[in-house]
């Protein structure tokens, strides 16, 4: 599953308001609730599972990228939300730099291979400097979505 498979224009937040990794997890999950990707009653348990995963090791992988993720039995398909912060977010990233691009995704419980492949695909794509720069410079969510579609495609 690629970034192009997961994202839709309404899953992109071009101006995150969060200042740290815990706030951005809440902000992106709240966005998934608002867009109907997560049931409102599942919000708190999903926040808890993502925070638990994040506590074990930061998903700030460097280069201004954060990829918080988790598995849960509260969803049936991979869902995700992508956000951009022009200010940068304190994420305790591996390179100790602020994070500007955050891709939160959730995979149904028990789909370990899909989880690993999705994570690898997203990380590989976001490691491309030209792709990150295009996303950072895009004027809005629609433009960001088009950049994702042009670069990630779908399988």
C-alpha atoms as a PDB file:
ATOM      1  CA  UNK A   1       0.000   0.000   0.000  1.00  0.00           C
ATOM      2  CA  UNK A   2       1.462   3.343  -1.051  1.00  0.00           C
ATOM      3  CA  UNK A   3       1.033   6.883   0.175  1.00  0.00           C
ATOM      4  CA  UNK A   4      -1.065   7.471  -2.943  1.00  0.00           C
ATOM      5  CA  UNK A   5      -3.419   4.658  -1.870  1.00  0.00           C
ATOM      6  CA  UNK A   6      -3.870   6.008   1.654  1.00  0.00           C
ATOM      7  CA  UNK A   7      -4.270   9.741   1.142  1.00  0.00           C
ATOM      8  CA  UNK A   8      -7.135  11.792  -0.223  1.00  0.00           C
ATOM      9  CA  UNK A   9      -7.211  15.608  -0.346  1.00  0.00           C
ATOM     10  CA  UNK A  10      -9.364  15.717   2.800  1.00  0.00           C
ATOM     11  CA  UNK A  11      -6.730  13.686   4.711  1.00  0.00           C
ATOM     12  CA  UNK A  12      -4.116  16.442   4.301  1.00  0.00           C
ATOM     13  CA  UNK A  13      -3.638  19.225   6.848  1.00  0.00           C
ATOM     14  CA  UNK A  14      -1.460  21.881   5.194  1.00  0.00           C
ATOM     15  CA  UNK A  15      -1.092  24.028   8.335  1.00  0.00           C
ATOM     16  CA  UNK A  16      -0.636  21.974  11.506  1.00  0.00           C
ATOM     17  CA  UNK A  17      -1.029  23.942  14.743  1.00  0.00           C
ATOM     18  CA  UNK A  18       0.771  21.429  16.987  1.00  0.00           C
ATOM     19  CA  UNK A  19       4.114  22.170  18.594  1.00  0.00           C
ATOM     20  CA  UNK A  20       5.114  18.665  19.745  1.00  0.00           C
ATOM     21  CA  UNK A  21       4.679  15.040  18.718  1.00  0.00           C
ATOM     22  CA  UNK A  22       1.909  14.295  21.233  1.00  0.00           C
ATOM     23  CA  UNK A  23      -0.182  17.249  20.039  1.00  0.00           C
ATOM     24  CA  UNK A  24       0.318  16.346  16.370  1.00  0.00           C
ATOM     25  CA  UNK A  25      -0.834  12.779  16.994  1.00  0.00           C
ATOM     26  CA  UNK A  26      -4.024  14.174  18.577  1.00  0.00           C
ATOM     27  CA  UNK A  27      -4.453  16.741  15.789  1.00  0.00           C
ATOM     28  CA  UNK A  28      -4.139  14.202  12.962  1.00  0.00           C
ATOM     29  CA  UNK A  29      -6.355  11.619  14.676  1.00  0.00           C
ATOM     30  CA  UNK A  30      -8.958  14.339  15.335  1.00  0.00           C
ATOM     31  CA  UNK A  31      -8.775  15.143  11.635  1.00  0.00           C
ATOM     32  CA  UNK A  32      -9.425  11.483  10.781  1.00  0.00           C
ATOM     33  CA  UNK A  33     -12.482  11.564  13.068  1.00  0.00           C
ATOM     34  CA  UNK A  34     -13.738  14.797  11.452  1.00  0.00           C
ATOM     35  CA  UNK A  35     -13.399  13.311   7.959  1.00  0.00           C
ATOM     36  CA  UNK A  36     -15.176  10.090   8.941  1.00  0.00           C
ATOM     37  CA  UNK A  37     -12.137   7.806   8.604  1.00  0.00           C
ATOM     38  CA  UNK A  38     -12.281   6.903  12.323  1.00  0.00           C
ATOM     39  CA  UNK A  39     -15.441   6.536  14.401  1.00  0.00           C
ATOM     40  CA  UNK A  40     -15.666   9.208  17.158  1.00  0.00           C
ATOM     41  CA  UNK A  41     -15.985   6.545  19.868  1.00  0.00           C
ATOM     42  CA  UNK A  42     -12.697   4.983  18.670  1.00  0.00           C
ATOM     43  CA  UNK A  43     -10.695   8.229  18.944  1.00  0.00           C
ATOM     44  CA  UNK A  44      -9.331   7.759  22.490  1.00  0.00           C
ATOM     45  CA  UNK A  45      -8.324   4.080  22.145  1.00  0.00           C
ATOM     46  CA  UNK A  46      -6.594   4.871  18.823  1.00  0.00           C
ATOM     47  CA  UNK A  47      -4.749   7.842  20.349  1.00  0.00           C
ATOM     48  CA  UNK A  48      -3.636   5.520  23.164  1.00  0.00           C
ATOM     49  CA  UNK A  49      -2.253   2.843  20.813  1.00  0.00           C
ATOM     50  CA  UNK A  50      -0.381   5.409  18.669  1.00  0.00           C
ATOM     51  CA  UNK A  51       1.045   7.103  21.773  1.00  0.00           C
ATOM     52  CA  UNK A  52       2.105   3.721  23.180  1.00  0.00           C
ATOM     53  CA  UNK A  53       3.972   2.962  19.940  1.00  0.00           C
ATOM     54  CA  UNK A  54       5.530   6.427  19.912  1.00  0.00           C
ATOM     55  CA  UNK A  55       6.664   6.057  23.545  1.00  0.00           C
ATOM     56  CA  UNK A  56       8.676   2.938  22.677  1.00  0.00           C
ATOM     57  CA  UNK A  57      10.720   4.938  20.145  1.00  0.00           C
ATOM     58  CA  UNK A  58      10.143   8.209  18.343  1.00  0.00           C
ATOM     59  CA  UNK A  59       8.994   7.847  14.754  1.00  0.00           C
ATOM     60  CA  UNK A  60      10.829  11.063  13.900  1.00  0.00           C
ATOM     61  CA  UNK A  61      13.158   9.469  11.345  1.00  0.00           C
ATOM     62  CA  UNK A  62      15.184  12.566  10.476  1.00  0.00           C
ATOM     63  CA  UNK A  63      15.087  14.979   7.543  1.00  0.00           C
ATOM     64  CA  UNK A  64      12.088  16.750   9.103  1.00  0.00           C
ATOM     65  CA  UNK A  65       9.911  13.629   8.870  1.00  0.00           C
ATOM     66  CA  UNK A  66       7.649  12.006  11.459  1.00  0.00           C
ATOM     67  CA  UNK A  67       5.703   8.819  10.746  1.00  0.00           C
ATOM     68  CA  UNK A  68       3.612   7.927  13.798  1.00  0.00           C
ATOM     69  CA  UNK A  69       1.829   4.631  13.179  1.00  0.00           C
ATOM     70  CA  UNK A  70       0.161   1.716  14.915  1.00  0.00           C
ATOM     71  CA  UNK A  71      -2.023  -1.350  14.418  1.00  0.00           C
ATOM     72  CA  UNK A  72      -5.544  -1.494  15.796  1.00  0.00           C
ATOM     73  CA  UNK A  73      -8.582  -3.739  15.527  1.00  0.00           C
ATOM     74  CA  UNK A  74     -10.804  -0.619  15.399  1.00  0.00           C
ATOM     75  CA  UNK A  75     -10.308  -0.117  11.654  1.00  0.00           C
ATOM     76  CA  UNK A  76     -10.769  -2.421   8.656  1.00  0.00           C
ATOM     77  CA  UNK A  77      -8.553  -0.686   6.077  1.00  0.00           C
ATOM     78  CA  UNK A  78      -5.324   1.299   6.268  1.00  0.00           C
ATOM     79  CA  UNK A  79      -6.123   4.931   7.062  1.00  0.00           C
ATOM     80  CA  UNK A  80      -3.871   7.924   7.403  1.00  0.00           C
ATOM     81  CA  UNK A  81      -3.543  11.665   7.588  1.00  0.00           C
ATOM     82  CA  UNK A  82      -0.691  13.848   6.388  1.00  0.00           C
ATOM     83  CA  UNK A  83       0.236  17.179   7.935  1.00  0.00           C
ATOM     84  CA  UNK A  84       2.710  19.965   7.338  1.00  0.00           C
ATOM     85  CA  UNK A  85       4.124  22.406   9.871  1.00  0.00           C
ATOM     86  CA  UNK A  86       5.954  25.435   8.574  1.00  0.00           C
ATOM     87  CA  UNK A  87       7.255  26.188  12.105  1.00  0.00           C
ATOM     88  CA  UNK A  88       8.455  22.694  12.810  1.00  0.00           C
ATOM     89  CA  UNK A  89       7.384  20.333  15.562  1.00  0.00           C
ATOM     90  CA  UNK A  90       9.461  19.091  18.477  1.00  0.00           C
ATOM     91  CA  UNK A  91       9.397  15.357  17.790  1.00  0.00           C
ATOM     92  CA  UNK A  92      12.476  13.925  19.522  1.00  0.00           C
ATOM     93  CA  UNK A  93      13.574  12.851  16.056  1.00  0.00           C
ATOM     94  CA  UNK A  94      16.664  10.719  15.485  1.00  0.00           C
ATOM     95  CA  UNK A  95      18.587  13.756  14.180  1.00  0.00           C
ATOM     96  CA  UNK A  96      17.200  16.057  16.929  1.00  0.00           C
ATOM     97  CA  UNK A  97      15.770  18.394  14.274  1.00  0.00           C
ATOM     98  CA  UNK A  98      12.192  19.697  14.180  1.00  0.00           C
ATOM     99  CA  UNK A  99       9.702  17.800  12.048  1.00  0.00           C
ATOM    100  CA  UNK A 100       7.832  19.622   9.275  1.00  0.00           C
ATOM    101  CA  UNK A 101       6.102  16.693   7.536  1.00  0.00           C
ATOM    102  CA  UNK A 102       4.056  14.151   9.509  1.00  0.00           C
ATOM    103  CA  UNK A 103       2.379  11.071   8.064  1.00  0.00           C
ATOM    104  CA  UNK A 104       0.221   9.263  10.623  1.00  0.00           C
ATOM    105  CA  UNK A 105      -1.181   5.928   9.529  1.00  0.00           C
ATOM    106  CA  UNK A 106      -3.068   3.036  11.064  1.00  0.00           C
ATOM    107  CA  UNK A 107      -3.137  -0.569   9.880  1.00  0.00           C
ATOM    108  CA  UNK A 108      -5.729  -3.187  10.876  1.00  0.00           C
ATOM    109  CA  UNK A 109      -4.516  -5.488  13.656  1.00  0.00           C
ATOM    110  CA  UNK A 110      -2.793  -8.636  12.414  1.00  0.00           C
ATOM    111  CA  UNK A 111      -1.664  -7.224   9.056  1.00  0.00           C
ATOM    112  CA  UNK A 112       2.004  -7.103   9.986  1.00  0.00           C
ATOM    113  CA  UNK A 113       3.389  -7.429   6.453  1.00  0.00           C
ATOM    114  CA  UNK A 114       1.101  -4.688   5.142  1.00  0.00           C
ATOM    115  CA  UNK A 115       2.176  -2.515   8.079  1.00  0.00           C
ATOM    116  CA  UNK A 116       5.885  -2.991   7.316  1.00  0.00           C
ATOM    117  CA  UNK A 117       5.497  -2.503   3.567  1.00  0.00           C
ATOM    118  CA  UNK A 118       3.399   0.643   4.051  1.00  0.00           C
ATOM    119  CA  UNK A 119       5.906   2.089   6.497  1.00  0.00           C
ATOM    120  CA  UNK A 120       8.821   1.283   4.165  1.00  0.00           C
ATOM    121  CA  UNK A 121       7.065   2.819   1.158  1.00  0.00           C
ATOM    122  CA  UNK A 122       6.249   6.045   3.013  1.00  0.00           C
ATOM    123  CA  UNK A 123       9.748   6.362   4.481  1.00  0.00           C
ATOM    124  CA  UNK A 124      11.396   5.727   1.116  1.00  0.00           C
ATOM    125  CA  UNK A 125       9.280   8.350  -0.611  1.00  0.00           C
ATOM    126  CA  UNK A 126       9.744  10.959   2.129  1.00  0.00           C
ATOM    127  CA  UNK A 127      13.512  10.454   2.095  1.00  0.00           C
ATOM    128  CA  UNK A 128      13.568  11.960  -1.422  1.00  0.00           C
ATOM    129  CA  UNK A 129      14.659  15.559  -0.963  1.00  0.00           C
ATOM    130  CA  UNK A 130      12.827  16.853  -4.059  1.00  0.00           C
ATOM    131  CA  UNK A 131       9.569  15.279  -2.870  1.00  0.00           C
ATOM    132  CA  UNK A 132       9.871  16.797   0.620  1.00  0.00           C
ATOM    133  CA  UNK A 133      10.701  20.216  -0.812  1.00  0.00           C
ATOM    134  CA  UNK A 134       7.729  20.088  -3.187  1.00  0.00           C
ATOM    135  CA  UNK A 135       5.397  19.262  -0.283  1.00  0.00           C
ATOM    136  CA  UNK A 136       6.906  21.985   1.899  1.00  0.00           C
ATOM    137  CA  UNK A 137       6.430  24.589  -0.854  1.00  0.00           C
ATOM    138  CA  UNK A 138       2.942  23.541  -2.036  1.00  0.00           C
ATOM    139  CA  UNK A 139       0.323  26.270  -1.504  1.00  0.00           C
ATOM    140  CA  UNK A 140      -2.498  24.065  -0.189  1.00  0.00           C
ATOM    141  CA  UNK A 141      -3.819  20.550   0.448  1.00  0.00           C
ATOM    142  CA  UNK A 142      -4.942  20.076  -3.167  1.00  0.00           C
ATOM    143  CA  UNK A 143      -1.450  20.842  -4.464  1.00  0.00           C
ATOM    144  CA  UNK A 144       0.099  18.578  -1.816  1.00  0.00           C
ATOM    145  CA  UNK A 145      -2.256  15.766  -2.835  1.00  0.00           C
ATOM    146  CA  UNK A 146      -1.303  16.175  -6.491  1.00  0.00           C
ATOM    147  CA  UNK A 147       2.396  15.963  -5.573  1.00  0.00           C
ATOM    148  CA  UNK A 148       1.690  12.733  -3.666  1.00  0.00           C
ATOM    149  CA  UNK A 149      -0.295  11.284  -6.586  1.00  0.00           C
ATOM    150  CA  UNK A 150       2.404  12.232  -9.088  1.00  0.00           C
ATOM    151  CA  UNK A 151       5.152  10.640  -6.982  1.00  0.00           C
ATOM    152  CA  UNK A 152       3.552   7.789  -5.030  1.00  0.00           C
ATOM    153  CA  UNK A 153       0.907   6.505  -7.366  1.00  0.00           C
ATOM    154  CA  UNK A 154      -1.207   3.619  -6.251  1.00  0.00           C
ATOM    155  CA  UNK A 155      -0.798  -0.095  -6.640  1.00  0.00           C
END
